[in-house]
Amino acid sequence: MAEYFSRMALVVLLIALVIACGLVGGIGNPLDVALIRDGIAARAASPLSTEMGLFLNYAGGVIATIGLGLVAAIVLWRRDQVRLAITIVTITIVGRLLVEAVKLSVHRARPALDAHPVTLHSLSFPSGHAANSMIVFPLLALVFAHPGHRVPWVAFGVFTSLIIGASRSLIGVHWPSDVVAGWAIGAAWLIATWPLAARLVPVEPQHDVVGGHRSAVGEV
C-alpha cells in the first residue's frame, strides 16, 4: 500500500510539473527563449550538431518508438505472452494519444526564432519525442532485461530519452519547457501503468532450449 501511494504521489508531482510548464513556458518565458537562442548559436558553430539532432529526430519519432513497441509485442506474442503483448501495445499507443490530447488542449505554437532544419506542422506542447521515448525505451527495458540487470538498462533507456528530448530544443523545434513536459508526461504514464505489465512479466527471461522446447517459467 505504501508503494502504491508513493507511486501515485510521484505521478501527481510529474503532472504538476507538466501543468507548470504549460502555464509559464513558450515565447513569454525568458529561459525558454534564451535556450532556443543557445541552440541556434550551437548549430551555427557546428553543423555536426544539426546532423546529430536530425538523427535523433528520427530515432525518437512516433514511427520509430511506436514501431519498436509493436515489434516488441510481436516478439512477446510469439512467446505466447499474449496478454503482455497487448498490454505493451496499449501502454504505448494510449500514451501517444494522451500526448496528442494535451497538444490540442494547450495549443502552443512551435518556436519561430529561426528556420527549422525540419518541416513540422504539429503543435509544440508537449514534445511527443520526449514523451514517446520516455515511455517506450524504459518500458521495453523493464520487460525484456534480466531482473538482475534492469536498473542499468532502464537507466540507459531514460538517458536515451533525455538525449532525444534535448535534441528537439537544439534544432529549434520545441521550447525546452515542451521537452520537460514531454519527459514528465512519459514518466508519469509509465509509472502509473507499469504495474499492469509487471504482473505479466516472467520472473526469469525465457530461452529456447535444445530440442525446441521453451522454458515454462513465467509463461502467460
Protein backbone atom coordinates (compact mmCIF):
# COMPACT_ATOMS: atom_id res chain seq x y z
CA MET A 1 0.00 0.00 0.00
CA ALA A 2 2.82 2.41 0.86
CA GLU A 3 4.42 1.64 -2.50
CA TYR A 4 1.15 2.45 -4.25
CA PHE A 5 0.80 5.83 -2.54
CA SER A 6 4.45 6.66 -3.21
CA ARG A 7 3.98 5.86 -6.88
CA MET A 8 0.81 7.94 -7.12
CA ALA A 9 2.46 10.85 -5.29
CA LEU A 10 5.25 10.83 -7.86
CA VAL A 11 2.70 10.75 -10.69
CA VAL A 12 0.92 13.77 -9.18
CA LEU A 13 4.21 15.68 -8.89
CA LEU A 14 5.03 14.94 -12.53
CA ILE A 15 1.58 16.08 -13.63
CA ALA A 16 2.07 19.29 -11.61
CA LEU A 17 5.34 19.83 -13.48
CA VAL A 18 3.53 19.40 -16.80
CA ILE A 19 0.93 21.97 -15.77
CA ALA A 20 3.63 24.41 -14.67
CA CYS A 21 5.47 24.04 -17.99
CA GLY A 22 2.20 24.61 -19.82
CA LEU A 23 1.43 27.78 -17.89
CA VAL A 24 4.80 29.53 -17.91
CA GLY A 25 6.66 28.13 -20.93
CA GLY A 26 6.92 29.28 -24.52
CA ILE A 27 7.64 32.60 -26.16
CA GLY A 28 6.85 34.54 -22.98
CA ASN A 29 9.42 32.66 -20.90
CA PRO A 30 12.90 34.28 -21.00
CA LEU A 31 14.62 30.98 -20.13
CA ASP A 32 12.88 29.14 -22.97
CA VAL A 33 13.86 31.89 -25.41
CA ALA A 34 17.45 32.04 -24.16
CA LEU A 35 17.94 28.28 -24.50
CA ILE A 36 16.50 28.25 -28.02
CA ARG A 37 18.92 31.04 -28.96
CA ASP A 38 21.76 29.00 -27.45
CA GLY A 39 20.71 26.11 -29.71
CA ILE A 40 20.75 28.39 -32.74
CA ALA A 41 24.27 29.52 -31.84
CA ALA A 42 25.42 25.91 -31.31
CA ARG A 43 24.10 24.86 -34.72
CA ALA A 44 25.78 27.82 -36.36
CA ALA A 45 29.10 26.98 -34.69
CA SER A 46 28.96 23.26 -35.51
CA PRO A 47 26.97 21.80 -38.41
CA LEU A 48 27.51 18.37 -36.83
CA SER A 49 25.14 19.32 -34.02
CA THR A 50 22.37 19.78 -36.58
CA GLU A 51 23.11 16.39 -38.13
CA MET A 52 23.03 14.71 -34.73
CA GLY A 53 19.78 16.48 -33.90
CA LEU A 54 18.21 15.29 -37.14
CA PHE A 55 19.32 11.71 -36.49
CA LEU A 56 17.78 11.77 -33.04
CA ASN A 57 14.68 13.38 -34.57
CA TYR A 58 14.03 10.13 -36.45
CA ALA A 59 15.24 7.82 -33.66
CA GLY A 60 12.72 9.27 -31.22
CA GLY A 61 9.89 9.87 -33.65
CA VAL A 62 6.45 8.33 -33.45
CA ILE A 63 7.21 5.81 -36.21
CA ALA A 64 10.38 4.58 -34.50
CA THR A 65 9.05 4.43 -30.96
CA ILE A 66 5.60 3.00 -31.66
CA GLY A 67 7.13 0.71 -34.26
CA LEU A 68 9.57 -0.57 -31.64
CA GLY A 69 6.67 -1.17 -29.28
CA LEU A 70 4.83 -3.16 -31.96
CA VAL A 71 7.93 -5.24 -32.72
CA ALA A 72 8.29 -5.99 -29.01
CA ALA A 73 4.63 -7.02 -28.90
CA ILE A 74 5.14 -9.41 -31.84
CA VAL A 75 8.11 -10.99 -30.05
CA LEU A 76 6.01 -11.45 -26.91
CA TRP A 77 3.11 -12.81 -28.95
CA ARG A 78 5.38 -15.43 -30.49
CA ARG A 79 6.44 -16.40 -26.98
CA ASP A 80 2.75 -16.98 -26.15
CA GLN A 81 2.74 -13.98 -23.84
CA VAL A 82 -0.36 -12.57 -25.49
CA ARG A 83 -1.69 -10.53 -22.59
CA LEU A 84 1.68 -8.90 -22.04
CA ALA A 85 1.94 -8.10 -25.76
CA ILE A 86 -1.47 -6.43 -25.73
CA THR A 87 -0.57 -4.51 -22.58
CA ILE A 88 2.66 -3.17 -24.11
CA VAL A 89 0.85 -2.01 -27.25
CA THR A 90 -1.90 -0.40 -25.20
CA ILE A 91 0.53 1.49 -22.95
CA THR A 92 2.50 2.71 -25.97
CA ILE A 93 -0.42 3.84 -28.13
CA VAL A 94 -2.59 5.30 -25.38
CA GLY A 95 0.44 7.21 -24.10
CA ARG A 96 0.85 8.75 -27.53
CA LEU A 97 -2.84 9.63 -27.73
CA LEU A 98 -2.56 11.30 -24.33
CA VAL A 99 0.24 13.50 -25.67
CA GLU A 100 -1.87 14.48 -28.66
CA ALA A 101 -4.78 15.37 -26.38
CA VAL A 102 -2.55 17.68 -24.33
CA LYS A 103 -1.20 19.28 -27.51
CA LEU A 104 -4.72 20.14 -28.64
CA SER A 105 -5.64 21.41 -25.18
CA VAL A 106 -2.64 23.75 -24.75
CA HIS A 107 -2.30 24.66 -28.44
CA ARG A 108 1.19 26.17 -28.14
CA ALA A 109 2.99 27.21 -31.32
CA ARG A 110 6.50 25.98 -32.02
CA PRO A 111 9.50 28.32 -31.68
CA ALA A 112 9.93 30.58 -34.69
CA LEU A 113 13.22 32.30 -33.86
CA ASP A 114 14.96 30.79 -36.89
CA ALA A 115 14.31 28.44 -39.80
CA HIS A 116 13.88 24.85 -38.59
CA PRO A 117 16.03 22.18 -40.24
CA VAL A 118 12.89 20.01 -40.46
CA THR A 119 9.40 20.94 -41.62
CA LEU A 120 6.75 20.50 -38.95
CA HIS A 121 3.09 21.45 -38.81
CA SER A 122 2.02 20.00 -35.46
CA LEU A 123 1.70 21.82 -32.15
CA SER A 124 4.60 22.28 -29.76
CA PHE A 125 3.50 21.38 -26.22
CA PRO A 126 4.45 18.81 -25.06
CA SER A 127 7.26 17.17 -27.02
CA GLY A 128 6.00 13.89 -28.43
CA HIS A 129 9.56 12.71 -28.99
CA ALA A 130 10.40 13.24 -25.31
CA ALA A 131 7.20 11.58 -24.11
CA ASN A 132 7.26 8.64 -26.55
CA SER A 133 10.87 7.78 -25.81
CA MET A 134 10.38 8.13 -22.04
CA ILE A 135 7.53 5.63 -22.25
CA VAL A 136 8.85 3.08 -24.73
CA PHE A 137 12.57 2.73 -24.01
CA PRO A 138 12.36 2.21 -20.22
CA LEU A 139 9.23 0.06 -20.67
CA LEU A 140 10.99 -2.34 -23.01
CA ALA A 141 13.99 -2.45 -20.67
CA LEU A 142 11.68 -3.41 -17.81
CA VAL A 143 10.02 -6.12 -19.88
CA PHE A 144 13.00 -7.71 -21.63
CA ALA A 145 16.00 -7.16 -19.36
CA HIS A 146 17.03 -9.86 -16.92
CA PRO A 147 15.68 -8.89 -13.47
CA GLY A 148 19.22 -8.52 -12.17
CA HIS A 149 20.14 -6.13 -14.98
CA ARG A 150 17.01 -4.00 -15.14
CA VAL A 151 18.41 -0.96 -13.36
CA PRO A 152 21.23 -0.22 -15.83
CA TRP A 153 19.01 -0.96 -18.83
CA VAL A 154 16.22 1.28 -17.56
CA ALA A 155 18.81 3.97 -16.82
CA PHE A 156 20.07 3.63 -20.39
CA GLY A 157 16.51 3.96 -21.69
CA VAL A 158 15.94 7.10 -19.63
CA PHE A 159 19.29 8.54 -20.73
CA THR A 160 18.41 7.91 -24.38
CA SER A 161 15.10 9.72 -23.89
CA LEU A 162 16.89 12.67 -22.29
CA ILE A 163 19.26 12.94 -25.25
CA ILE A 164 16.41 12.70 -27.75
CA GLY A 165 14.37 15.32 -25.93
CA ALA A 166 17.28 17.73 -25.60
CA SER A 167 17.95 17.44 -29.33
CA ARG A 168 14.46 18.80 -30.04
CA SER A 169 15.36 22.13 -28.50
CA LEU A 170 18.82 22.02 -30.07
CA ILE A 171 17.29 22.01 -33.57
CA GLY A 172 14.79 24.65 -32.51
CA VAL A 173 11.53 22.76 -32.96
CA HIS A 174 10.50 22.68 -29.29
CA TRP A 175 10.71 25.07 -26.38
CA PRO A 176 12.69 23.49 -23.53
CA SER A 177 9.53 23.56 -21.39
CA ASP A 178 7.83 21.44 -24.08
CA VAL A 179 10.58 18.86 -23.69
CA VAL A 180 10.48 18.83 -19.88
CA ALA A 181 6.70 18.40 -20.03
CA GLY A 182 7.11 15.54 -22.52
CA TRP A 183 9.53 13.75 -20.23
CA ALA A 184 7.19 14.30 -17.28
CA ILE A 185 4.12 13.01 -19.13
CA GLY A 186 6.01 9.96 -20.37
CA ALA A 187 7.41 9.18 -16.92
CA ALA A 188 4.04 9.70 -15.22
CA TRP A 189 2.27 7.43 -17.70
CA LEU A 190 4.91 4.72 -17.38
CA ILE A 191 4.90 4.84 -13.58
CA ALA A 192 1.11 4.69 -13.49
CA THR A 193 0.74 1.83 -15.98
CA TRP A 194 3.81 -0.32 -15.35
CA PRO A 195 2.09 -2.39 -12.61
CA LEU A 196 -0.36 -3.62 -15.28
CA ALA A 197 2.53 -5.09 -17.25
CA ALA A 198 4.73 -6.08 -14.30
CA ARG A 199 2.40 -8.83 -13.13
CA LEU A 200 2.62 -10.43 -16.60
CA VAL A 201 6.42 -10.31 -16.96
CA PRO A 202 8.10 -13.69 -16.35
CA VAL A 203 10.17 -13.95 -13.20
CA GLU A 204 13.04 -15.24 -15.33
CA PRO A 205 13.61 -14.46 -19.02
CA GLN A 206 12.54 -17.19 -21.44
CA HIS A 207 15.14 -19.01 -23.54
CA ASP A 208 14.79 -21.56 -26.29
CA VAL A 209 16.41 -24.84 -25.26
CA VAL A 210 17.76 -27.87 -27.08
CA GLY A 211 15.00 -29.86 -28.70
CA GLY A 212 12.80 -26.87 -29.46
CA HIS A 213 11.17 -26.70 -26.03
CA ARG A 214 10.66 -23.39 -24.26
CA SER A 215 11.09 -22.83 -20.55
CA ALA A 216 7.73 -22.92 -18.84
CA VAL A 217 8.81 -20.49 -16.11
CA GLY A 218 6.54 -17.45 -16.10
CA GLU A 219 4.64 -18.35 -19.26
CA VAL A 220 1.38 -16.46 -19.63
